[in-house]
C-alpha atoms as a PDB file:
ATOM      1  CA  MET A   1     120.006  68.582  75.887  1.00  0.00           C
ATOM      2  CA  SER A   2     123.645  67.652  75.141  1.00  0.00           C
ATOM      3  CA  ASP A   3     126.307  67.397  77.836  1.00  0.00           C
ATOM      4  CA  PHE A   4     127.911  70.472  76.280  1.00  0.00           C
ATOM      5  CA  SER A   5     124.868  72.678  76.714  1.00  0.00           C
ATOM      6  CA  GLN A   6     123.599  71.172  79.972  1.00  0.00           C
ATOM      7  CA  ASP A   7     125.717  73.370  82.243  1.00  0.00           C
ATOM      8  CA  LEU A   8     125.961  76.200  79.707  1.00  0.00           C
ATOM      9  CA  ILE A   9     122.287  77.012  79.229  1.00  0.00           C
ATOM     10  CA  LEU A  10     120.719  77.803  82.597  1.00  0.00           C
ATOM     11  CA  PRO A  11     117.170  76.792  83.504  1.00  0.00           C
ATOM     12  CA  SER A  12     114.660  79.409  82.416  1.00  0.00           C
ATOM     13  CA  GLY A  13     110.950  79.976  82.121  1.00  0.00           C
ATOM     14  CA  GLY A  14     108.590  78.815  84.825  1.00  0.00           C
ATOM     15  CA  TYR A  15     107.526  82.414  85.305  1.00  0.00           C
ATOM     16  CA  GLU A  16     103.963  81.311  86.059  1.00  0.00           C
ATOM     17  CA  LYS A  17     105.261  80.088  89.437  1.00  0.00           C
ATOM     18  CA  LEU A  18     106.934  83.394  90.343  1.00  0.00           C
ATOM     19  CA  THR A  19     105.098  85.332  93.044  1.00  0.00           C
ATOM     20  CA  THR A  20     106.023  88.547  91.232  1.00  0.00           C
ATOM     21  CA  PHE A  21     104.391  87.294  88.024  1.00  0.00           C
ATOM     22  CA  LYS A  22     101.231  86.197  89.838  1.00  0.00           C
ATOM     23  CA  LEU A  23     100.928  89.573  91.582  1.00  0.00           C
ATOM     24  CA  ALA A  24     101.629  91.509  88.388  1.00  0.00           C
ATOM     25  CA  LYS A  25      98.979  89.486  86.530  1.00  0.00           C
ATOM     26  CA  LEU A  26      96.448  90.152  89.290  1.00  0.00           C
ATOM     27  CA  ILE A  27      97.291  93.874  89.211  1.00  0.00           C
ATOM     28  CA  TYR A  28      96.853  93.877  85.420  1.00  0.00           C
ATOM     29  CA  ASP A  29      93.427  92.199  85.604  1.00  0.00           C
ATOM     30  CA  ILE A  30      92.247  94.578  88.332  1.00  0.00           C
ATOM     31  CA  THR A  31      93.534  97.602  86.402  1.00  0.00           C
ATOM     32  CA  VAL A  32      91.757  96.637  83.158  1.00  0.00           C
ATOM     33  CA  HIS A  33      88.499  96.390  85.082  1.00  0.00           C
ATOM     34  CA  PHE A  34      89.193  99.576  87.096  1.00  0.00           C
ATOM     35  CA  VAL A  35      89.831 101.817  84.095  1.00  0.00           C
ATOM     36  CA  ARG A  36      86.753 100.532  82.298  1.00  0.00           C
ATOM     37  CA  LEU A  37      84.615 101.554  85.248  1.00  0.00           C
ATOM     38  CA  TYR A  38      86.273 104.697  86.608  1.00  0.00           C
ATOM     39  CA  ILE A  39      88.593 106.308  84.040  1.00  0.00           C
ATOM     40  CA  ASP A  40      87.435 108.266  80.987  1.00  0.00           C
ATOM     41  CA  ARG A  41      88.073 105.952  78.038  1.00  0.00           C
ATOM     42  CA  LYS A  42      89.036 108.913  75.867  1.00  0.00           C
ATOM     43  CA  SER A  43      91.798 109.998  78.238  1.00  0.00           C
ATOM     44  CA  ARG A  44      95.451 109.026  77.792  1.00  0.00           C
ATOM     45  CA  THR A  45      95.424 107.815  81.397  1.00  0.00           C
ATOM     46  CA  CYS A  46      93.116 104.940  80.495  1.00  0.00           C
ATOM     47  CA  ASP A  47      95.508 103.485  77.922  1.00  0.00           C
ATOM     48  CA  GLN A  48      98.616 104.328  79.951  1.00  0.00           C
ATOM     49  CA  MET A  49      97.385 102.489  83.034  1.00  0.00           C
ATOM     50  CA  ILE A  50      96.549  99.364  81.044  1.00  0.00           C
ATOM     51  CA  GLN A  51      99.875  99.454  79.190  1.00  0.00           C
ATOM     52  CA  ALA A  52     101.887  99.980  82.398  1.00  0.00           C
ATOM     53  CA  ALA A  53     100.105  97.063  84.079  1.00  0.00           C
ATOM     54  CA  ARG A  54     100.591  94.857  80.999  1.00  0.00           C
ATOM     55  CA  SER A  55     104.266  95.796  80.815  1.00  0.00           C
ATOM     56  CA  GLY A  56     104.735  94.593  84.380  1.00  0.00           C
ATOM     57  CA  VAL A  57     103.395  91.148  83.495  1.00  0.00           C
ATOM     58  CA  GLN A  58     105.073  90.753  80.109  1.00  0.00           C
ATOM     59  CA  ASN A  59     108.538  91.881  81.186  1.00  0.00           C
ATOM     60  CA  ILE A  60     108.609  89.451  84.118  1.00  0.00           C
ATOM     61  CA  ALA A  61     107.697  86.621  81.726  1.00  0.00           C
ATOM     62  CA  GLU A  62     110.265  87.676  79.126  1.00  0.00           C
ATOM     63  CA  GLY A  63     112.969  88.167  81.752  1.00  0.00           C
ATOM     64  CA  SER A  64     112.348  84.667  83.069  1.00  0.00           C
ATOM     65  CA  ILE A  65     112.735  83.201  79.558  1.00  0.00           C
ATOM     66  CA  ASP A  66     115.880  85.244  78.798  1.00  0.00           C
ATOM     67  CA  ALA A  67     117.483  83.908  81.985  1.00  0.00           C
ATOM     68  CA  ALA A  68     118.732  80.918  79.949  1.00  0.00           C
ATOM     69  CA  THR A  69     121.511  82.900  78.285  1.00  0.00           C
ATOM     70  CA  SER A  70     121.557  86.467  79.592  1.00  0.00           C
ATOM     71  CA  VAL A  71     121.417  87.467  83.226  1.00  0.00           C
ATOM     72  CA  LYS A  72     121.925  91.059  82.102  1.00  0.00           C
ATOM     73  CA  MET A  73     118.786  90.940  79.923  1.00  0.00           C
ATOM     74  CA  GLU A  74     116.856  89.130  82.655  1.00  0.00           C
ATOM     75  CA  LEU A  75     117.757  91.789  85.239  1.00  0.00           C
ATOM     76  CA  ASN A  76     116.996  94.598  82.808  1.00  0.00           C
ATOM     77  CA  LEU A  77     113.537  93.215  82.038  1.00  0.00           C
ATOM     78  CA  TYR A  78     112.709  92.682  85.712  1.00  0.00           C
ATOM     79  CA  ASN A  79     113.729  96.281  86.325  1.00  0.00           C
ATOM     80  CA  VAL A  80     111.536  97.467  83.419  1.00  0.00           C
ATOM     81  CA  ALA A  81     108.641  95.535  84.981  1.00  0.00           C
ATOM     82  CA  ARG A  82     109.299  97.238  88.305  1.00  0.00           C
ATOM     83  CA  GLY A  83     109.449 100.651  86.633  1.00  0.00           C
ATOM     84  CA  SER A  84     106.142 100.007  84.858  1.00  0.00           C
ATOM     85  CA  LEU A  85     104.447  99.042  88.117  1.00  0.00           C
ATOM     86  CA  ILE A  86     105.812 102.169  89.814  1.00  0.00           C
ATOM     87  CA  GLU A  87     104.387 104.228  86.933  1.00  0.00           C
ATOM     88  CA  LEU A  88     101.041 102.500  87.485  1.00  0.00           C
ATOM     89  CA  ARG A  89     101.275 103.217  91.224  1.00  0.00           C
ATOM     90  CA  ASN A  90     101.645 106.910  90.418  1.00  0.00           C
ATOM     91  CA  ASP A  91      98.478 106.777  88.279  1.00  0.00           C
ATOM     92  CA  TYR A  92      96.457 105.233  91.117  1.00  0.00           C
ATOM     93  CA  GLN A  93      97.861 107.818  93.544  1.00  0.00           C
ATOM     94  CA  ASP A  94      96.960 110.592  91.081  1.00  0.00           C
ATOM     95  CA  PHE A  95      93.408 109.239  90.829  1.00  0.00           C
ATOM     96  CA  LEU A  96      92.993 109.443  94.598  1.00  0.00           C
ATOM     97  CA  ARG A  97      94.731 112.813  94.987  1.00  0.00           C
ATOM     98  CA  GLN A  98      92.776 114.456  92.156  1.00  0.00           C
ATOM     99  CA  ASN A  99      89.575 113.356  93.856  1.00  0.00           C
ATOM    100  CA  ASN A 100      90.720 114.611  97.288  1.00  0.00           C
ATOM    101  CA  ILE A 101      90.959 111.083  98.679  1.00  0.00           C
ATOM    102  CA  SER A 102      93.793 109.984 100.959  1.00  0.00           C
ATOM    103  CA  VAL A 103      95.966 106.950 100.417  1.00  0.00           C
ATOM    104  CA  TRP A 104      95.509 104.549 103.332  1.00  0.00           C
ATOM    105  CA  SER A 105      98.057 105.037 106.094  1.00  0.00           C
ATOM    106  CA  LYS A 106      99.650 102.103 107.916  1.00  0.00           C
ATOM    107  CA  THR A 107      97.429 102.862 110.911  1.00  0.00           C
ATOM    108  CA  SER A 108      94.237 102.603 108.832  1.00  0.00           C
ATOM    109  CA  LEU A 109      91.873  99.749 109.708  1.00  0.00           C
ATOM    110  CA  LEU A 110      91.506  98.910 106.018  1.00  0.00           C
ATOM    111  CA  TYR A 111      95.287  98.867 105.489  1.00  0.00           C
ATOM    112  CA  LYS A 112      95.771  96.566 108.479  1.00  0.00           C
ATOM    113  CA  GLU A 113      92.966  94.233 107.387  1.00  0.00           C
ATOM    114  CA  PHE A 114      94.348  93.983 103.837  1.00  0.00           C
ATOM    115  CA  ILE A 115      97.820  93.093 105.163  1.00  0.00           C
ATOM    116  CA  THR A 116      96.404  90.611 107.701  1.00  0.00           C
ATOM    117  CA  ARG A 117      94.474  88.812 104.957  1.00  0.00           C
ATOM    118  CA  ARG A 118      97.666  88.397 102.871  1.00  0.00           C
ATOM    119  CA  VAL A 119      95.750  89.136  99.690  1.00  0.00           C
ATOM    120  CA  HIS A 120      97.407  87.551  96.644  1.00  0.00           C
ATOM    121  CA  THR A 121      94.640  86.066  94.475  1.00  0.00           C
ATOM    122  CA  ALA A 122      91.629  87.473  92.637  1.00  0.00           C
ATOM    123  CA  LYS A 123      89.315  85.744  95.116  1.00  0.00           C
ATOM    124  CA  ASP A 124      91.217  87.223  98.085  1.00  0.00           C
ATOM    125  CA  PHE A 125      90.935  90.663  96.506  1.00  0.00           C
ATOM    126  CA  ARG A 126      87.190  90.352  95.770  1.00  0.00           C
ATOM    127  CA  ASP A 127      86.534  89.064  99.296  1.00  0.00           C
ATOM    128  CA  PHE A 128      88.420  91.988 100.822  1.00  0.00           C
ATOM    129  CA  ILE A 129      86.585  94.594  98.693  1.00  0.00           C
ATOM    130  CA  GLN A 130      83.238  92.987  99.511  1.00  0.00           C
ATOM    131  CA  TRP A 131      84.087  92.975 103.239  1.00  0.00           C
ATOM    132  CA  ALA A 132      85.288  96.605 103.216  1.00  0.00           C
ATOM    133  CA  ASN A 133      82.284  97.768 101.195  1.00  0.00           C
ATOM    134  CA  SER A 134      79.773  96.062 103.497  1.00  0.00           C
ATOM    135  CA  PHE A 135      80.326  98.150 106.623  1.00  0.00           C
ATOM    136  CA  PRO A 136      76.976  99.580 107.764  1.00  0.00           C
ATOM    137  CA  ASP A 137      78.322 103.131 107.550  1.00  0.00           C
ATOM    138  CA  SER A 138      80.162 102.732 104.224  1.00  0.00           C
ATOM    139  CA  PRO A 139      79.207 105.662 101.983  1.00  0.00           C
ATOM    140  CA  GLU A 140      78.001 104.961  98.476  1.00  0.00           C
ATOM    141  CA  TYR A 141      79.940 107.912  97.094  1.00  0.00           C
ATOM    142  CA  VAL A 142      82.791 110.111  98.324  1.00  0.00           C
ATOM    143  CA  GLN A 143      83.388 113.378  96.435  1.00  0.00           C
ATOM    144  CA  HIS A 144      81.184 111.999  93.618  1.00  0.00           C
ATOM    145  CA  ILE A 145      83.468 108.948  93.322  1.00  0.00           C
ATOM    146  CA  PRO A 146      81.974 105.504  94.033  1.00  0.00           C
ATOM    147  CA  TYR A 147      83.316 104.277  97.366  1.00  0.00           C
ATOM    148  CA  LYS A 148      84.198 100.940  95.755  1.00  0.00           C
ATOM    149  CA  ALA A 149      86.602 102.777  93.387  1.00  0.00           C
ATOM    150  CA  ILE A 150      88.404 104.216  96.419  1.00  0.00           C
ATOM    151  CA  LEU A 151      88.685 100.761  97.987  1.00  0.00           C
ATOM    152  CA  VAL A 152      89.985  99.196  94.780  1.00  0.00           C
ATOM    153  CA  ALA A 153      92.512 101.984  94.125  1.00  0.00           C
ATOM    154  CA  ASN A 154      93.936 101.835  97.645  1.00  0.00           C
ATOM    155  CA  ALA A 155      94.002  98.040  97.747  1.00  0.00           C
ATOM    156  CA  THR A 156      95.708  97.895  94.338  1.00  0.00           C
ATOM    157  CA  LEU A 157      98.355 100.309  95.617  1.00  0.00           C
ATOM    158  CA  LEU A 158      99.155  97.796  98.358  1.00  0.00           C
ATOM    159  CA  LEU A 159      99.448  94.999  95.799  1.00  0.00           C
ATOM    160  CA  ILE A 160     101.761  97.161  93.683  1.00  0.00           C
ATOM    161  CA  ASN A 161     103.904  97.927  96.738  1.00  0.00           C
ATOM    162  CA  SER A 162     104.264  94.191  97.395  1.00  0.00           C
ATOM    163  CA  ALA A 163     105.081  93.400  93.763  1.00  0.00           C
ATOM    164  CA  THR A 164     107.712  96.143  93.416  1.00  0.00           C
ATOM    165  CA  TYR A 165     109.332  95.173  96.721  1.00  0.00           C
ATOM    166  CA  LEU A 166     109.510  91.505  95.676  1.00  0.00           C
ATOM    167  CA  LEU A 167     110.877  92.464  92.259  1.00  0.00           C
ATOM    168  CA  ARG A 168     113.608  94.487  93.946  1.00  0.00           C
ATOM    169  CA  CYS A 169     114.496  91.425  96.045  1.00  0.00           C
ATOM    170  CA  GLN A 170     114.399  89.208  92.942  1.00  0.00           C
ATOM    171  CA  ILE A 171     116.749  91.560  91.076  1.00  0.00           C
ATOM    172  CA  LYS A 172     119.174  91.677  94.008  1.00  0.00           C
ATOM    173  CA  SER A 173     119.179  87.893  94.376  1.00  0.00           C
ATOM    174  CA  LYS A 174     119.853  87.370  90.657  1.00  0.00           C
ATOM    175  CA  ALA A 175     122.581  90.037  90.640  1.00  0.00           C
ATOM    176  CA  ASP A 176     124.295  88.435  93.660  1.00  0.00           C
ATOM    177  CA  ARG A 177     124.177  85.013  91.991  1.00  0.00           C
ATOM    178  CA  PHE A 178     125.623  86.495  88.794  1.00  0.00           C
ATOM    179  CA  LEU A 179     128.544  87.972  90.742  1.00  0.00           C
ATOM    180  CA  GLU A 180     129.232  84.559  92.286  1.00  0.00           C
ATOM    181  CA  GLN A 181     128.712  82.343  89.223  1.00  0.00           C
ATOM    182  CA  GLY A 182     129.347  84.582  86.225  1.00  0.00           C
ATOM    183  CA  GLY A 183     127.318  84.766  83.029  1.00  0.00           C
ATOM    184  CA  PHE A 184     126.839  82.922  79.750  1.00  0.00           C
ATOM    185  CA  SER A 185     130.022  84.281  78.114  1.00  0.00           C
ATOM    186  CA  GLU A 186     132.135  83.226  81.084  1.00  0.00           C
ATOM    187  CA  ARG A 187     130.599  79.740  81.118  1.00  0.00           C
ATOM    188  CA  MET A 188     131.198  79.457  77.368  1.00  0.00           C
ATOM    189  CA  SER A 189     134.874  80.441  77.763  1.00  0.00           C
ATOM    190  CA  GLN A 190     135.367  77.971  80.616  1.00  0.00           C
ATOM    191  CA  LYS A 191     133.722  75.212  78.557  1.00  0.00           C
ATOM    192  CA  ARG A 192     135.963  75.935  75.570  1.00  0.00           C
ATOM    193  CA  ARG A 193     139.096  75.859  77.733  1.00  0.00           C
ATOM    194  CA  ARG A 194     138.088  72.497  79.206  1.00  0.00           C
ATOM    195  CA  MET A 195     137.443  71.056  75.735  1.00  0.00           C
ATOM    196  CA  GLN A 196     140.838  72.230  74.454  1.00  0.00           C
ATOM    197  CA  LYS A 197     142.737  70.403  77.208  1.00  0.00           C
END
């Protein structure tokens, strides 16, 4: 990279290392599996849930790449990702509500255990579901819904809550940095002025 572009084009990419990307990807993988097992494939909900989960992943990746030249685009895409995950959260909540199942409260044993385990990988998630499903008194079905579906839906809601919270923090951090350092156009103007002297 030339000296001219070195301080003009900001570092970008590396989205695979972002916690938000990792969580969104995990949520996407879980959702694809969940809808195949528990949502009618002919319903619009099936496709909508997969697309919302995919949008969360893809927009974080694209925002990270666009960071090189446009903070505005980066922030917009992170916000789109957050909106998609919130849409997905609503679908999981609808699934539970329509089957007369409660979302875990903060006082719930399962909620507390999930938080204590700091679940953030596919293995962590599988281990938690296996643990929660292995209680001696765990029912096989609740309201004709497999108990495992209830566990997965509630646990995925907690992952979505974490991802949307972290995305909000990521957006705020980037916006604050933009206010302090300016954007691509400002850096370009400053560079031109320096070259003309």
